[in-house]
Amino acid sequence: MNSSQIIQKNIRYLRTTLGITQEQLAFISGLTSACVSRLERDSKCNPTVQTLDHIAEGLKIQTAQLFDEQLASEEGKCITELQRCMNEIMKLDVDKQRDVIHLLDNYIQLGQIF
């Protein structure tokens, strides 16, 4: 898989994981929806670094992650989902964050027993 295909796959994967449309990604990235569409489907598309920076910012990731071949793999999907959960947990008040940590610790300890 070449770099363009990796970028295409990762943009589409991350966008759908966030549950946003191409139009929404375009808006938050300051790009046109046609540009986002081209980035996701046209393997001959040659985006500038600036365009990739805008997309990465809209997806709340580092630009380098767009080039990660493993991102859309099963392990990468799990990591992405964990990062999404962490972002949601960080929005909670401190007491709720502690509750989540406590629940996770208990779950992990149970897993070690069985």
PDB file of N, CA and C in Angstrom:
ATOM      1  N   MET A   1       0.854  -1.172   0.000  1.00  0.00           N
ATOM      2  CA  MET A   1       0.000   0.000   0.000  1.00  0.00           C
ATOM      3  C   MET A   1       0.903   1.238   0.000  1.00  0.00           C
ATOM      4  N   ASN A   2       0.636   2.185  -0.902  1.00  0.00           N
ATOM      5  CA  ASN A   2       1.466   3.390  -0.956  1.00  0.00           C
ATOM      6  C   ASN A   2       0.954   4.445   0.034  1.00  0.00           C
ATOM      7  N   SER A   3       1.722   5.510   0.192  1.00  0.00           N
ATOM      8  CA  SER A   3       1.389   6.554   1.169  1.00  0.00           C
ATOM      9  C   SER A   3       0.014   7.162   0.933  1.00  0.00           C
ATOM     10  N   SER A   4      -0.338   7.408  -0.319  1.00  0.00           N
ATOM     11  CA  SER A   4      -1.647   7.992  -0.629  1.00  0.00           C
ATOM     12  C   SER A   4      -2.781   7.088  -0.167  1.00  0.00           C
ATOM     13  N   GLN A   5      -2.629   5.795  -0.405  1.00  0.00           N
ATOM     14  CA  GLN A   5      -3.665   4.847   0.004  1.00  0.00           C
ATOM     15  C   GLN A   5      -3.772   4.760   1.523  1.00  0.00           C
ATOM     16  N   ILE A   6      -2.637   4.813   2.197  1.00  0.00           N
ATOM     17  CA  ILE A   6      -2.632   4.784   3.665  1.00  0.00           C
ATOM     18  C   ILE A   6      -3.347   6.013   4.209  1.00  0.00           C
ATOM     19  N   ILE A   7      -3.020   7.174   3.652  1.00  0.00           N
ATOM     20  CA  ILE A   7      -3.656   8.425   4.088  1.00  0.00           C
ATOM     21  C   ILE A   7      -5.161   8.356   3.846  1.00  0.00           C
ATOM     22  N   GLN A   8      -5.563   7.903   2.660  1.00  0.00           N
ATOM     23  CA  GLN A   8      -6.993   7.772   2.333  1.00  0.00           C
ATOM     24  C   GLN A   8      -7.707   6.909   3.364  1.00  0.00           C
ATOM     25  N   LYS A   9      -7.156   5.739   3.596  1.00  0.00           N
ATOM     26  CA  LYS A   9      -7.765   4.775   4.508  1.00  0.00           C
ATOM     27  C   LYS A   9      -7.865   5.353   5.918  1.00  0.00           C
ATOM     28  N   ASN A  10      -6.798   6.007   6.365  1.00  0.00           N
ATOM     29  CA  ASN A  10      -6.778   6.546   7.722  1.00  0.00           C
ATOM     30  C   ASN A  10      -7.734   7.721   7.899  1.00  0.00           C
ATOM     31  N   ILE A  11      -7.811   8.596   6.916  1.00  0.00           N
ATOM     32  CA  ILE A  11      -8.741   9.728   7.021  1.00  0.00           C
ATOM     33  C   ILE A  11     -10.169   9.200   7.105  1.00  0.00           C
ATOM     34  N   ARG A  12     -10.513   8.303   6.221  1.00  0.00           N
ATOM     35  CA  ARG A  12     -11.873   7.743   6.213  1.00  0.00           C
ATOM     36  C   ARG A  12     -12.163   7.023   7.533  1.00  0.00           C
ATOM     37  N   TYR A  13     -11.208   6.204   7.983  1.00  0.00           N
ATOM     38  CA  TYR A  13     -11.389   5.452   9.229  1.00  0.00           C
ATOM     39  C   TYR A  13     -11.579   6.391  10.421  1.00  0.00           C
ATOM     40  N   LEU A  14     -10.692   7.369  10.556  1.00  0.00           N
ATOM     41  CA  LEU A  14     -10.772   8.284  11.697  1.00  0.00           C
ATOM     42  C   LEU A  14     -12.039   9.132  11.653  1.00  0.00           C
ATOM     43  N   ARG A  15     -12.399   9.582  10.475  1.00  0.00           N
ATOM     44  CA  ARG A  15     -13.612  10.404  10.336  1.00  0.00           C
ATOM     45  C   ARG A  15     -14.839   9.606  10.745  1.00  0.00           C
ATOM     46  N   THR A  16     -14.951   8.378  10.254  1.00  0.00           N
ATOM     47  CA  THR A  16     -16.124   7.571  10.589  1.00  0.00           C
ATOM     48  C   THR A  16     -16.108   7.150  12.056  1.00  0.00           C
ATOM     49  N   THR A  17     -14.924   6.944  12.617  1.00  0.00           N
ATOM     50  CA  THR A  17     -14.819   6.627  14.043  1.00  0.00           C
ATOM     51  C   THR A  17     -15.342   7.781  14.889  1.00  0.00           C
ATOM     52  N   LEU A  18     -15.055   8.992  14.454  1.00  0.00           N
ATOM     53  CA  LEU A  18     -15.558  10.171  15.163  1.00  0.00           C
ATOM     54  C   LEU A  18     -17.046  10.398  14.904  1.00  0.00           C
ATOM     55  N   GLY A  19     -17.574   9.706  13.905  1.00  0.00           N
ATOM     56  CA  GLY A  19     -18.994   9.834  13.584  1.00  0.00           C
ATOM     57  C   GLY A  19     -19.346  11.140  12.899  1.00  0.00           C
ATOM     58  N   ILE A  20     -18.406  11.639  12.090  1.00  0.00           N
ATOM     59  CA  ILE A  20     -18.660  12.896  11.383  1.00  0.00           C
ATOM     60  C   ILE A  20     -18.663  12.667   9.874  1.00  0.00           C
ATOM     61  N   THR A  21     -19.359  13.528   9.171  1.00  0.00           N
ATOM     62  CA  THR A  21     -19.440  13.440   7.712  1.00  0.00           C
ATOM     63  C   THR A  21     -18.224  14.125   7.086  1.00  0.00           C
ATOM     64  N   GLN A  22     -18.060  13.920   5.793  1.00  0.00           N
ATOM     65  CA  GLN A  22     -17.001  14.623   5.068  1.00  0.00           C
ATOM     66  C   GLN A  22     -17.215  16.126   5.167  1.00  0.00           C
ATOM     67  N   GLU A  23     -18.455  16.547   5.090  1.00  0.00           N
ATOM     68  CA  GLU A  23     -18.771  17.975   5.167  1.00  0.00           C
ATOM     69  C   GLU A  23     -18.387  18.552   6.530  1.00  0.00           C
ATOM     70  N   GLN A  24     -18.668  17.801   7.588  1.00  0.00           N
ATOM     71  CA  GLN A  24     -18.313  18.261   8.932  1.00  0.00           C
ATOM     72  C   GLN A  24     -16.800  18.331   9.102  1.00  0.00           C
ATOM     73  N   LEU A  25     -16.090  17.313   8.608  1.00  0.00           N
ATOM     74  CA  LEU A  25     -14.629  17.335   8.688  1.00  0.00           C
ATOM     75  C   LEU A  25     -14.081  18.517   7.902  1.00  0.00           C
ATOM     76  N   ALA A  26     -14.638  18.757   6.737  1.00  0.00           N
ATOM     77  CA  ALA A  26     -14.200  19.896   5.922  1.00  0.00           C
ATOM     78  C   ALA A  26     -14.385  21.197   6.691  1.00  0.00           C
ATOM     79  N   PHE A  27     -15.538  21.360   7.311  1.00  0.00           N
ATOM     80  CA  PHE A  27     -15.834  22.592   8.043  1.00  0.00           C
ATOM     81  C   PHE A  27     -14.855  22.801   9.199  1.00  0.00           C
ATOM     82  N   ILE A  28     -14.652  21.770  10.025  1.00  0.00           N
ATOM     83  CA  ILE A  28     -13.765  21.945  11.182  1.00  0.00           C
ATOM     84  C   ILE A  28     -12.297  22.025  10.781  1.00  0.00           C
ATOM     85  N   SER A  29     -11.979  21.555   9.572  1.00  0.00           N
ATOM     86  CA  SER A  29     -10.596  21.607   9.083  1.00  0.00           C
ATOM     87  C   SER A  29     -10.321  22.850   8.250  1.00  0.00           C
ATOM     88  N   GLY A  30     -11.371  23.601   7.934  1.00  0.00           N
ATOM     89  CA  GLY A  30     -11.199  24.791   7.105  1.00  0.00           C
ATOM     90  C   GLY A  30     -10.943  24.467   5.645  1.00  0.00           C
ATOM     91  N   LEU A  31     -11.476  23.334   5.187  1.00  0.00           N
ATOM     92  CA  LEU A  31     -11.303  22.898   3.801  1.00  0.00           C
ATOM     93  C   LEU A  31     -12.672  22.765   3.145  1.00  0.00           C
ATOM     94  N   THR A  32     -12.682  22.502   1.859  1.00  0.00           N
ATOM     95  CA  THR A  32     -13.952  22.264   1.177  1.00  0.00           C
ATOM     96  C   THR A  32     -14.314  20.786   1.298  1.00  0.00           C
ATOM     97  N   SER A  33     -15.595  20.487   1.184  1.00  0.00           N
ATOM     98  CA  SER A  33     -16.016  19.084   1.234  1.00  0.00           C
ATOM     99  C   SER A  33     -15.481  18.330   0.015  1.00  0.00           C
ATOM    100  N   ALA A  34     -15.324  19.022  -1.106  1.00  0.00           N
ATOM    101  CA  ALA A  34     -14.750  18.386  -2.300  1.00  0.00           C
ATOM    102  C   ALA A  34     -13.311  17.950  -2.034  1.00  0.00           C
ATOM    103  N   CYS A  35     -12.574  18.770  -1.301  1.00  0.00           N
ATOM    104  CA  CYS A  35     -11.183  18.438  -0.964  1.00  0.00           C
ATOM    105  C   CYS A  35     -11.131  17.191  -0.085  1.00  0.00           C
ATOM    106  N   VAL A  36     -11.977  17.136   0.939  1.00  0.00           N
ATOM    107  CA  VAL A  36     -11.998  15.971   1.832  1.00  0.00           C
ATOM    108  C   VAL A  36     -12.410  14.725   1.054  1.00  0.00           C
ATOM    109  N   SER A  37     -13.398  14.861   0.201  1.00  0.00           N
ATOM    110  CA  SER A  37     -13.844  13.738  -0.619  1.00  0.00           C
ATOM    111  C   SER A  37     -12.702  13.223  -1.489  1.00  0.00           C
ATOM    112  N   ARG A  38     -11.983  14.140  -2.122  1.00  0.00           N
ATOM    113  CA  ARG A  38     -10.842  13.770  -2.970  1.00  0.00           C
ATOM    114  C   ARG A  38      -9.765  13.062  -2.150  1.00  0.00           C
ATOM    115  N   LEU A  39      -9.496  13.568  -0.943  1.00  0.00           N
ATOM    116  CA  LEU A  39      -8.470  12.957  -0.097  1.00  0.00           C
ATOM    117  C   LEU A  39      -8.822  11.515   0.263  1.00  0.00           C
ATOM    118  N   GLU A  40     -10.106  11.242   0.422  1.00  0.00           N
ATOM    119  CA  GLU A  40     -10.539   9.903   0.821  1.00  0.00           C
ATOM    120  C   GLU A  40     -10.649   8.918  -0.339  1.00  0.00           C
ATOM    121  N   ARG A  41     -10.807   9.395  -1.562  1.00  0.00           N
ATOM    122  CA  ARG A  41     -11.081   8.450  -2.651  1.00  0.00           C
ATOM    123  C   ARG A  41     -10.112   8.503  -3.822  1.00  0.00           C
ATOM    124  N   ASP A  42      -9.366   9.579  -3.994  1.00  0.00           N
ATOM    125  CA  ASP A  42      -8.517   9.736  -5.174  1.00  0.00           C
ATOM    126  C   ASP A  42      -7.065   9.426  -4.834  1.00  0.00           C
ATOM    127  N   SER A  43      -6.595   8.267  -5.276  1.00  0.00           N
ATOM    128  CA  SER A  43      -5.220   7.868  -4.967  1.00  0.00           C
ATOM    129  C   SER A  43      -4.191   8.741  -5.678  1.00  0.00           C
ATOM    130  N   LYS A  44      -4.622   9.517  -6.656  1.00  0.00           N
ATOM    131  CA  LYS A  44      -3.698  10.407  -7.359  1.00  0.00           C
ATOM    132  C   LYS A  44      -3.668  11.801  -6.733  1.00  0.00           C
ATOM    133  N   CYS A  45      -4.474  11.996  -5.697  1.00  0.00           N
ATOM    134  CA  CYS A  45      -4.520  13.281  -5.000  1.00  0.00           C
ATOM    135  C   CYS A  45      -3.193  13.501  -4.272  1.00  0.00           C
ATOM    136  N   ASN A  46      -2.593  14.661  -4.446  1.00  0.00           N
ATOM    137  CA  ASN A  46      -1.334  14.994  -3.783  1.00  0.00           C
ATOM    138  C   ASN A  46      -1.542  16.181  -2.850  1.00  0.00           C
ATOM    139  N   PRO A  47      -2.026  15.919  -1.635  1.00  0.00           N
ATOM    140  CA  PRO A  47      -2.284  17.025  -0.717  1.00  0.00           C
ATOM    141  C   PRO A  47      -0.991  17.670  -0.232  1.00  0.00           C
ATOM    142  N   THR A  48      -1.077  18.940   0.083  1.00  0.00           N
ATOM    143  CA  THR A  48       0.078  19.624   0.654  1.00  0.00           C
ATOM    144  C   THR A  48       0.195  19.243   2.124  1.00  0.00           C
ATOM    145  N   VAL A  49       1.341  19.497   2.693  1.00  0.00           N
ATOM    146  CA  VAL A  49       1.541  19.260   4.124  1.00  0.00           C
ATOM    147  C   VAL A  49       0.557  20.113   4.916  1.00  0.00           C
ATOM    148  N   GLN A  50       0.324  21.323   4.451  1.00  0.00           N
ATOM    149  CA  GLN A  50      -0.615  22.215   5.126  1.00  0.00           C
ATOM    150  C   GLN A  50      -2.028  21.615   5.137  1.00  0.00           C
ATOM    151  N   THR A  51      -2.447  21.034   4.025  1.00  0.00           N
ATOM    152  CA  THR A  51      -3.765  20.397   3.960  1.00  0.00           C
ATOM    153  C   THR A  51      -3.840  19.230   4.937  1.00  0.00           C
ATOM    154  N   LEU A  52      -2.793  18.408   4.978  1.00  0.00           N
ATOM    155  CA  LEU A  52      -2.769  17.279   5.910  1.00  0.00           C
ATOM    156  C   LEU A  52      -2.765  17.765   7.354  1.00  0.00           C
ATOM    157  N   ASP A  53      -2.068  18.876   7.619  1.00  0.00           N
ATOM    158  CA  ASP A  53      -2.083  19.463   8.964  1.00  0.00           C
ATOM    159  C   ASP A  53      -3.495  19.871   9.360  1.00  0.00           C
ATOM    160  N   HIS A  54      -4.224  20.484   8.421  1.00  0.00           N
ATOM    161  CA  HIS A  54      -5.603  20.905   8.693  1.00  0.00           C
ATOM    162  C   HIS A  54      -6.499  19.697   8.967  1.00  0.00           C
ATOM    163  N   ILE A  55      -6.346  18.660   8.160  1.00  0.00           N
ATOM    164  CA  ILE A  55      -7.136  17.438   8.350  1.00  0.00           C
ATOM    165  C   ILE A  55      -6.819  16.819   9.710  1.00  0.00           C
ATOM    166  N   ALA A  56      -5.536  16.700  10.023  1.00  0.00           N
ATOM    167  CA  ALA A  56      -5.133  16.109  11.302  1.00  0.00           C
ATOM    168  C   ALA A  56      -5.696  16.913  12.472  1.00  0.00           C
ATOM    169  N   GLU A  57      -5.634  18.215  12.362  1.00  0.00           N
ATOM    170  CA  GLU A  57      -6.182  19.070  13.415  1.00  0.00           C
ATOM    171  C   GLU A  57      -7.685  18.822  13.570  1.00  0.00           C
ATOM    172  N   GLY A  58      -8.382  18.710  12.457  1.00  0.00           N
ATOM    173  CA  GLY A  58      -9.817  18.430  12.498  1.00  0.00           C
ATOM    174  C   GLY A  58     -10.134  17.071  13.100  1.00  0.00           C
ATOM    175  N   LEU A  59      -9.233  16.112  12.899  1.00  0.00           N
ATOM    176  CA  LEU A  59      -9.411  14.763  13.437  1.00  0.00           C
ATOM    177  C   LEU A  59      -8.840  14.622  14.849  1.00  0.00           C
ATOM    178  N   LYS A  60      -8.200  15.687  15.337  1.00  0.00           N
ATOM    179  CA  LYS A  60      -7.604  15.720  16.680  1.00  0.00           C
ATOM    180  C   LYS A  60      -6.495  14.679  16.841  1.00  0.00           C
ATOM    181  N   ILE A  61      -5.637  14.626  15.818  1.00  0.00           N
ATOM    182  CA  ILE A  61      -4.492  13.723  15.848  1.00  0.00           C
ATOM    183  C   ILE A  61      -3.257  14.485  15.381  1.00  0.00           C
ATOM    184  N   GLN A  62      -2.099  13.853  15.501  1.00  0.00           N
ATOM    185  CA  GLN A  62      -0.869  14.397  14.952  1.00  0.00           C
ATOM    186  C   GLN A  62      -0.826  14.045  13.461  1.00  0.00           C
ATOM    187  N   THR A  63      -0.291  14.937  12.662  1.00  0.00           N
ATOM    188  CA  THR A  63      -0.232  14.717  11.209  1.00  0.00           C
ATOM    189  C   THR A  63       0.454  13.399  10.867  1.00  0.00           C
ATOM    190  N   ALA A  64       1.501  13.050  11.590  1.00  0.00           N
ATOM    191  CA  ALA A  64       2.242  11.818  11.315  1.00  0.00           C
ATOM    192  C   ALA A  64       1.358  10.580  11.410  1.00  0.00           C
ATOM    193  N   GLN A  65       0.313  10.632  12.220  1.00  0.00           N
ATOM    194  CA  GLN A  65      -0.571   9.476  12.367  1.00  0.00           C
ATOM    195  C   GLN A  65      -1.314   9.154  11.072  1.00  0.00           C
ATOM    196  N   LEU A  66      -1.464  10.125  10.199  1.00  0.00           N
ATOM    197  CA  LEU A  66      -2.126   9.868   8.916  1.00  0.00           C
ATOM    198  C   LEU A  66      -1.329   8.885   8.060  1.00  0.00           C
ATOM    199  N   PHE A  67      -0.032   8.768   8.318  1.00  0.00           N
ATOM    200  CA  PHE A  67       0.848   7.892   7.546  1.00  0.00           C
ATOM    201  C   PHE A  67       1.026   6.515   8.198  1.00  0.00           C
ATOM    202  N   ASP A  68       0.399   6.291   9.340  1.00  0.00           N
ATOM    203  CA  ASP A  68       0.567   5.061  10.114  1.00  0.00           C
ATOM    204  C   ASP A  68      -0.187   3.902   9.464  1.00  0.00           C
ATOM    205  N   GLU A  69       0.555   2.929   8.947  1.00  0.00           N
ATOM    206  CA  GLU A  69      -0.061   1.786   8.261  1.00  0.00           C
ATOM    207  C   GLU A  69      -0.918   0.938   9.191  1.00  0.00           C
ATOM    208  N   GLN A  70      -0.605   0.947  10.484  1.00  0.00           N
ATOM    209  CA  GLN A  70      -1.322   0.102  11.433  1.00  0.00           C
ATOM    210  C   GLN A  70      -2.573   0.751  12.008  1.00  0.00           C
ATOM    211  N   LEU A  71      -2.765   2.042  11.750  1.00  0.00           N
ATOM    212  CA  LEU A  71      -3.853   2.788  12.380  1.00  0.00           C
ATOM    213  C   LEU A  71      -5.215   2.144  12.164  1.00  0.00           C
ATOM    214  N   ALA A  72      -5.524   1.748  10.953  1.00  0.00           N
ATOM    215  CA  ALA A  72      -6.828   1.159  10.653  1.00  0.00           C
ATOM    216  C   ALA A  72      -6.833  -0.360  10.838  1.00  0.00           C
ATOM    217  N   SER A  73      -5.728  -0.918  11.381  1.00  0.00           N
ATOM    218  CA  SER A  73      -5.692  -2.346  11.690  1.00  0.00           C
ATOM    219  C   SER A  73      -6.523  -2.587  12.947  1.00  0.00           C
ATOM    220  N   GLU A  74      -6.727  -3.820  13.322  1.00  0.00           N
ATOM    221  CA  GLU A  74      -7.525  -4.127  14.518  1.00  0.00           C
ATOM    222  C   GLU A  74      -6.889  -3.522  15.768  1.00  0.00           C
ATOM    223  N   GLU A  75      -5.576  -3.653  15.899  1.00  0.00           N
ATOM    224  CA  GLU A  75      -4.893  -3.074  17.057  1.00  0.00           C
ATOM    225  C   GLU A  75      -4.996  -1.552  17.037  1.00  0.00           C
ATOM    226  N   GLY A  76      -4.804  -0.986  15.867  1.00  0.00           N
ATOM    227  CA  GLY A  76      -4.908   0.465  15.734  1.00  0.00           C
ATOM    228  C   GLY A  76      -6.303   0.963  16.039  1.00  0.00           C
ATOM    229  N   LYS A  77      -7.314   0.197  15.606  1.00  0.00           N
ATOM    230  CA  LYS A  77      -8.700   0.579  15.889  1.00  0.00           C
ATOM    231  C   LYS A  77      -8.957   0.578  17.390  1.00  0.00           C
ATOM    232  N   CYS A  78      -8.398  -0.400  18.074  1.00  0.00           N
ATOM    233  CA  CYS A  78      -8.566  -0.484  19.524  1.00  0.00           C
ATOM    234  C   CYS A  78      -7.907   0.718  20.204  1.00  0.00           C
ATOM    235  N   ILE A  79      -6.719   1.069  19.768  1.00  0.00           N
ATOM    236  CA  ILE A  79      -6.016   2.220  20.336  1.00  0.00           C
ATOM    237  C   ILE A  79      -6.796   3.499  20.072  1.00  0.00           C
ATOM    238  N   THR A  80      -7.314   3.640  18.874  1.00  0.00           N
ATOM    239  CA  THR A  80      -8.102   4.825  18.533  1.00  0.00           C
ATOM    240  C   THR A  80      -9.342   4.917  19.410  1.00  0.00           C
ATOM    241  N   GLU A  81      -9.994   3.788  19.630  1.00  0.00           N
ATOM    242  CA  GLU A  81     -11.194   3.774  20.477  1.00  0.00           C
ATOM    243  C   GLU A  81     -10.837   4.117  21.927  1.00  0.00           C
ATOM    244  N   LEU A  82      -9.706   3.612  22.401  1.00  0.00           N
ATOM    245  CA  LEU A  82      -9.252   3.960  23.752  1.00  0.00           C
ATOM    246  C   LEU A  82      -8.970   5.456  23.868  1.00  0.00           C
ATOM    247  N   GLN A  83      -8.354   6.030  22.836  1.00  0.00           N
ATOM    248  CA  GLN A  83      -8.086   7.469  22.846  1.00  0.00           C
ATOM    249  C   GLN A  83      -9.384   8.269  22.853  1.00  0.00           C
ATOM    250  N   ARG A  84     -10.370   7.807  22.094  1.00  0.00           N
ATOM    251  CA  ARG A  84     -11.668   8.479  22.074  1.00  0.00           C
ATOM    252  C   ARG A  84     -12.309   8.429  23.462  1.00  0.00           C
ATOM    253  N   CYS A  85     -12.243   7.261  24.099  1.00  0.00           N
ATOM    254  CA  CYS A  85     -12.793   7.125  25.453  1.00  0.00           C
ATOM    255  C   CYS A  85     -12.059   8.034  26.432  1.00  0.00           C
ATOM    256  N   MET A  86     -10.747   8.099  26.308  1.00  0.00           N
ATOM    257  CA  MET A  86      -9.967   8.984  27.191  1.00  0.00           C
ATOM    258  C   MET A  86     -10.390  10.431  27.019  1.00  0.00           C
ATOM    259  N   ASN A  87     -10.609  10.851  25.791  1.00  0.00           N
ATOM    260  CA  ASN A  87     -11.059  12.224  25.542  1.00  0.00           C
ATOM    261  C   ASN A  87     -12.392  12.486  26.221  1.00  0.00           C
ATOM    262  N   GLU A  88     -13.291  11.509  26.185  1.00  0.00           N
ATOM    263  CA  GLU A  88     -14.596  11.664  26.834  1.00  0.00           C
ATOM    264  C   GLU A  88     -14.448  11.676  28.354  1.00  0.00           C
ATOM    265  N   ILE A  89     -13.588  10.822  28.876  1.00  0.00           N
ATOM    266  CA  ILE A  89     -13.361  10.774  30.325  1.00  0.00           C
ATOM    267  C   ILE A  89     -12.783  12.094  30.816  1.00  0.00           C
ATOM    268  N   MET A  90     -11.901  12.688  30.029  1.00  0.00           N
ATOM    269  CA  MET A  90     -11.279  13.958  30.426  1.00  0.00           C
ATOM    270  C   MET A  90     -12.303  15.088  30.525  1.00  0.00           C
ATOM    271  N   LYS A  91     -13.443  14.940  29.888  1.00  0.00           N
ATOM    272  CA  LYS A  91     -14.491  15.957  29.950  1.00  0.00           C
ATOM    273  C   LYS A  91     -15.299  15.870  31.248  1.00  0.00           C
ATOM    274  N   LEU A  92     -15.179  14.738  31.949  1.00  0.00           N
ATOM    275  CA  LEU A  92     -15.925  14.545  33.192  1.00  0.00           C
ATOM    276  C   LEU A  92     -15.274  15.317  34.334  1.00  0.00           C
ATOM    277  N   ASP A  93     -16.050  15.550  35.395  1.00  0.00           N
ATOM    278  CA  ASP A  93     -15.444  16.187  36.568  1.00  0.00           C
ATOM    279  C   ASP A  93     -14.517  15.171  37.241  1.00  0.00           C
ATOM    280  N   VAL A  94     -13.656  15.649  38.119  1.00  0.00           N
ATOM    281  CA  VAL A  94     -12.599  14.825  38.715  1.00  0.00           C
ATOM    282  C   VAL A  94     -13.170  13.623  39.466  1.00  0.00           C
ATOM    283  N   ASP A  95     -14.260  13.797  40.183  1.00  0.00           N
ATOM    284  CA  ASP A  95     -14.848  12.675  40.922  1.00  0.00           C
ATOM    285  C   ASP A  95     -15.303  11.562  39.978  1.00  0.00           C
ATOM    286  N   LYS A  96     -15.924  11.933  38.879  1.00  0.00           N
ATOM    287  CA  LYS A  96     -16.359  10.931  37.891  1.00  0.00           C
ATOM    288  C   LYS A  96     -15.153  10.252  37.241  1.00  0.00           C
ATOM    289  N   GLN A  97     -14.084  11.025  36.998  1.00  0.00           N
ATOM    290  CA  GLN A  97     -12.867  10.439  36.435  1.00  0.00           C
ATOM    291  C   GLN A  97     -12.312   9.380  37.384  1.00  0.00           C
ATOM    292  N   ARG A  98     -12.299   9.688  38.672  1.00  0.00           N
ATOM    293  CA  ARG A  98     -11.818   8.711  39.667  1.00  0.00           C
ATOM    294  C   ARG A  98     -12.694   7.459  39.671  1.00  0.00           C
ATOM    295  N   ASP A  99     -14.006   7.637  39.533  1.00  0.00           N
ATOM    296  CA  ASP A  99     -14.919   6.490  39.474  1.00  0.00           C
ATOM    297  C   ASP A  99     -14.584   5.592  38.286  1.00  0.00           C
ATOM    298  N   VAL A 100     -14.338   6.195  37.141  1.00  0.00           N
ATOM    299  CA  VAL A 100     -13.994   5.423  35.941  1.00  0.00           C
ATOM    300  C   VAL A 100     -12.680   4.678  36.158  1.00  0.00           C
ATOM    301  N   ILE A 101     -11.696   5.343  36.724  1.00  0.00           N
ATOM    302  CA  ILE A 101     -10.400   4.703  36.999  1.00  0.00           C
ATOM    303  C   ILE A 101     -10.589   3.517  37.938  1.00  0.00           C
ATOM    304  N   HIS A 102     -11.392   3.707  38.977  1.00  0.00           N
ATOM    305  CA  HIS A 102     -11.663   2.637  39.938  1.00  0.00           C
ATOM    306  C   HIS A 102     -12.323   1.441  39.239  1.00  0.00           C
ATOM    307  N   LEU A 103     -13.316   1.710  38.394  1.00  0.00           N
ATOM    308  CA  LEU A 103     -13.984   0.637  37.654  1.00  0.00           C
ATOM    309  C   LEU A 103     -13.009  -0.117  36.751  1.00  0.00           C
ATOM    310  N   LEU A 104     -12.168   0.624  36.054  1.00  0.00           N
ATOM    311  CA  LEU A 104     -11.189  -0.010  35.163  1.00  0.00           C
ATOM    312  C   LEU A 104     -10.185  -0.848  35.947  1.00  0.00           C
ATOM    313  N   ASP A 105      -9.708  -0.313  37.064  1.00  0.00           N
ATOM    314  CA  ASP A 105      -8.771  -1.072  37.906  1.00  0.00           C
ATOM    315  C   ASP A 105      -9.396  -2.385  38.369  1.00  0.00           C
ATOM    316  N   ASN A 106     -10.643  -2.315  38.823  1.00  0.00           N
ATOM    317  CA  ASN A 106     -11.339  -3.531  39.268  1.00  0.00           C
ATOM    318  C   ASN A 106     -11.493  -4.527  38.128  1.00  0.00           C
ATOM    319  N   TYR A 107     -11.848  -4.042  36.958  1.00  0.00           N
ATOM    320  CA  TYR A 107     -12.018  -4.911  35.798  1.00  0.00           C
ATOM    321  C   TYR A 107     -10.698  -5.594  35.436  1.00  0.00           C
ATOM    322  N   ILE A 108      -9.629  -4.838  35.451  1.00  0.00           N
ATOM    323  CA  ILE A 108      -8.308  -5.393  35.120  1.00  0.00           C
ATOM    324  C   ILE A 108      -7.905  -6.449  36.139  1.00  0.00           C
ATOM    325  N   GLN A 109      -8.137  -6.177  37.416  1.00  0.00           N
ATOM    326  CA  GLN A 109      -7.798  -7.151  38.462  1.00  0.00           C
ATOM    327  C   GLN A 109      -8.615  -8.428  38.310  1.00  0.00           C
ATOM    328  N   LEU A 110      -9.892  -8.301  37.956  1.00  0.00           N
ATOM    329  CA  LEU A 110     -10.720  -9.486  37.720  1.00  0.00           C
ATOM    330  C   LEU A 110     -10.177 -10.305  36.555  1.00  0.00           C
ATOM    331  N   GLY A 111      -9.719  -9.626  35.528  1.00  0.00           N
ATOM    332  CA  GLY A 111      -9.154 -10.311  34.369  1.00  0.00           C
ATOM    333  C   GLY A 111      -7.901 -11.091  34.711  1.00  0.00           C
ATOM    334  N   GLN A 112      -7.148 -10.609  35.684  1.00  0.00           N
ATOM    335  CA  GLN A 112      -5.931 -11.305  36.099  1.00  0.00           C
ATOM    336  C   GLN A 112      -6.249 -12.547  36.921  1.00  0.00           C
ATOM    337  N   ILE A 113      -7.411 -12.543  37.565  1.00  0.00           N
ATOM    338  CA  ILE A 113      -7.816 -13.687  38.381  1.00  0.00           C
ATOM    339  C   ILE A 113      -8.277 -14.839  37.498  1.00  0.00           C
ATOM    340  N   PHE A 114      -9.025 -14.526  36.441  1.00  0.00           N
ATOM    341  CA  PHE A 114      -9.611 -15.574  35.599  1.00  0.00           C
ATOM    342  C   PHE A 114      -8.718 -15.928  34.473  1.00  0.00           C
TER     343      PHE A 114
END
